Amino acid sequence: MWCPQCKSEYVSGITECPECKVRLVDRLPEEPEVKHQYVDYVEVLSRLKPPDVVLIKSILDSSDVAYYIKGEHSLHAAYSFLDAKLMVRKDQVDQARELLNDFARDQ
């Protein structure tokens, strides 16, 4: 017997999940197959230094723009020769540029 809520298995004779307080079922329903969708990201800004990254993240984290900072971890190396790049989901580039308009103008 299985709990349909927490997915725990119980021995025969138990009819209710002691944790969830729901009636057990003979088998769990099949979970739908997860379809992964690949999304393209494009470079919006480059040559970012650590202070730039902090500012950009504070602006974009308060929005629904999907992004990542390529090379962010190399910024913390003592002798980093790589600059970070802001990568934004292709369909959100205009939104990101609008949010970062003042920042980009100062670059």
Protein backbone atom coordinates (compact mmCIF):
# COMPACT_ATOMS: atom_id res chain seq x y z
CA MET A 1 0.00 0.00 0.00
CA TRP A 2 1.17 3.48 -0.86
CA CYS A 3 0.44 6.98 0.33
CA PRO A 4 -0.59 9.06 -2.70
CA GLN A 5 0.62 12.23 -1.01
CA CYS A 6 4.08 11.47 0.45
CA LYS A 7 4.70 8.35 -1.71
CA SER A 8 5.66 6.22 1.31
CA GLU A 9 5.11 2.47 1.17
CA TYR A 10 3.32 0.63 3.98
CA VAL A 11 2.85 -3.02 4.86
CA SER A 12 -0.42 -4.83 4.33
CA GLY A 13 -3.11 -4.05 6.87
CA ILE A 14 -2.42 -0.32 7.17
CA THR A 15 -5.09 1.70 5.39
CA GLU A 16 -4.15 5.28 6.24
CA CYS A 17 -0.84 7.15 6.11
CA PRO A 18 0.02 8.06 9.71
CA GLU A 19 1.84 11.21 8.57
CA CYS A 20 -0.49 12.58 5.90
CA LYS A 21 -3.77 11.20 7.27
CA VAL A 22 -4.91 10.12 3.78
CA ARG A 23 -6.20 6.76 2.61
CA LEU A 24 -3.54 4.47 1.10
CA VAL A 25 -3.81 3.17 -2.46
CA ASP A 26 -2.70 -0.12 -4.02
CA ARG A 27 -0.33 1.59 -6.43
CA LEU A 28 0.86 5.09 -7.15
CA PRO A 29 -0.32 6.78 -10.31
CA GLU A 30 2.30 7.04 -13.01
CA GLU A 31 4.06 10.36 -13.03
CA PRO A 32 3.97 12.23 -16.31
CA GLU A 33 7.20 12.19 -18.27
CA VAL A 34 9.10 15.43 -17.84
CA LYS A 35 9.92 17.01 -21.16
CA HIS A 36 13.05 19.12 -20.99
CA GLN A 37 13.11 22.10 -23.24
CA TYR A 38 16.39 23.58 -24.33
CA VAL A 39 16.60 27.34 -24.22
CA ASP A 40 19.11 29.51 -26.04
CA TYR A 41 21.05 32.11 -24.08
CA VAL A 42 22.84 35.02 -25.71
CA GLU A 43 25.53 37.38 -24.50
CA VAL A 44 24.16 40.77 -23.46
CA LEU A 45 27.13 42.33 -21.65
CA SER A 46 30.77 41.36 -21.41
CA ARG A 47 33.97 42.41 -19.64
CA LEU A 48 32.16 42.45 -16.30
CA LYS A 49 34.11 42.96 -13.11
CA PRO A 50 32.97 41.78 -9.65
CA PRO A 51 31.20 45.07 -8.73
CA ASP A 52 29.35 44.97 -12.08
CA VAL A 53 28.17 41.44 -11.42
CA VAL A 54 26.79 42.36 -8.00
CA LEU A 55 24.83 45.27 -9.43
CA ILE A 56 23.51 43.31 -12.42
CA LYS A 57 22.40 40.43 -10.22
CA SER A 58 20.56 42.77 -7.86
CA ILE A 59 18.67 44.28 -10.80
CA LEU A 60 17.84 41.03 -12.60
CA ASP A 61 17.04 39.01 -9.47
CA SER A 62 14.10 41.33 -8.83
CA SER A 63 12.71 40.55 -12.30
CA ASP A 64 11.64 37.38 -14.07
CA VAL A 65 14.57 37.49 -16.50
CA ALA A 66 16.39 34.15 -16.75
CA TYR A 67 20.14 34.73 -16.81
CA TYR A 68 23.51 33.50 -15.68
CA ILE A 69 26.95 35.04 -15.41
CA LYS A 70 29.40 33.10 -17.56
CA GLY A 71 32.82 33.07 -15.90
CA GLU A 72 31.49 34.43 -12.60
CA HIS A 73 33.56 32.07 -10.48
CA SER A 74 36.79 32.96 -12.27
CA LEU A 75 36.32 36.56 -11.10
CA HIS A 76 37.33 35.51 -7.61
CA ALA A 77 40.65 34.00 -8.66
CA ALA A 78 43.68 36.04 -7.70
CA TYR A 79 44.98 36.22 -11.27
CA SER A 80 41.89 36.06 -13.40
CA PHE A 81 42.41 36.82 -17.07
CA LEU A 82 38.81 36.06 -17.97
CA ASP A 83 36.07 38.63 -17.73
CA ALA A 84 32.55 37.57 -16.93
CA LYS A 85 29.71 37.79 -19.43
CA LEU A 86 26.00 38.27 -18.83
CA MET A 87 24.04 35.56 -20.64
CA VAL A 88 20.27 36.07 -20.96
CA ARG A 89 17.57 33.84 -22.35
CA LYS A 90 17.18 34.75 -26.01
CA ASP A 91 13.50 35.67 -25.74
CA GLN A 92 14.19 38.00 -22.79
CA VAL A 93 17.08 40.03 -24.19
CA ASP A 94 15.01 43.18 -24.79
CA GLN A 95 13.59 43.03 -21.27
CA ALA A 96 17.07 42.60 -19.76
CA ARG A 97 18.50 45.46 -21.81
CA GLU A 98 15.69 47.73 -20.72
CA LEU A 99 16.27 46.87 -17.05
CA LEU A 100 20.02 47.37 -17.43
CA ASN A 101 19.78 50.46 -19.63
CA ASP A 102 21.38 52.84 -17.12
CA PHE A 103 24.11 50.35 -16.26
CA ALA A 104 24.99 49.66 -19.91
CA ARG A 105 25.06 53.37 -20.75
CA ASP A 106 27.80 53.89 -18.13
CA GLN A 107 29.99 51.15 -19.63
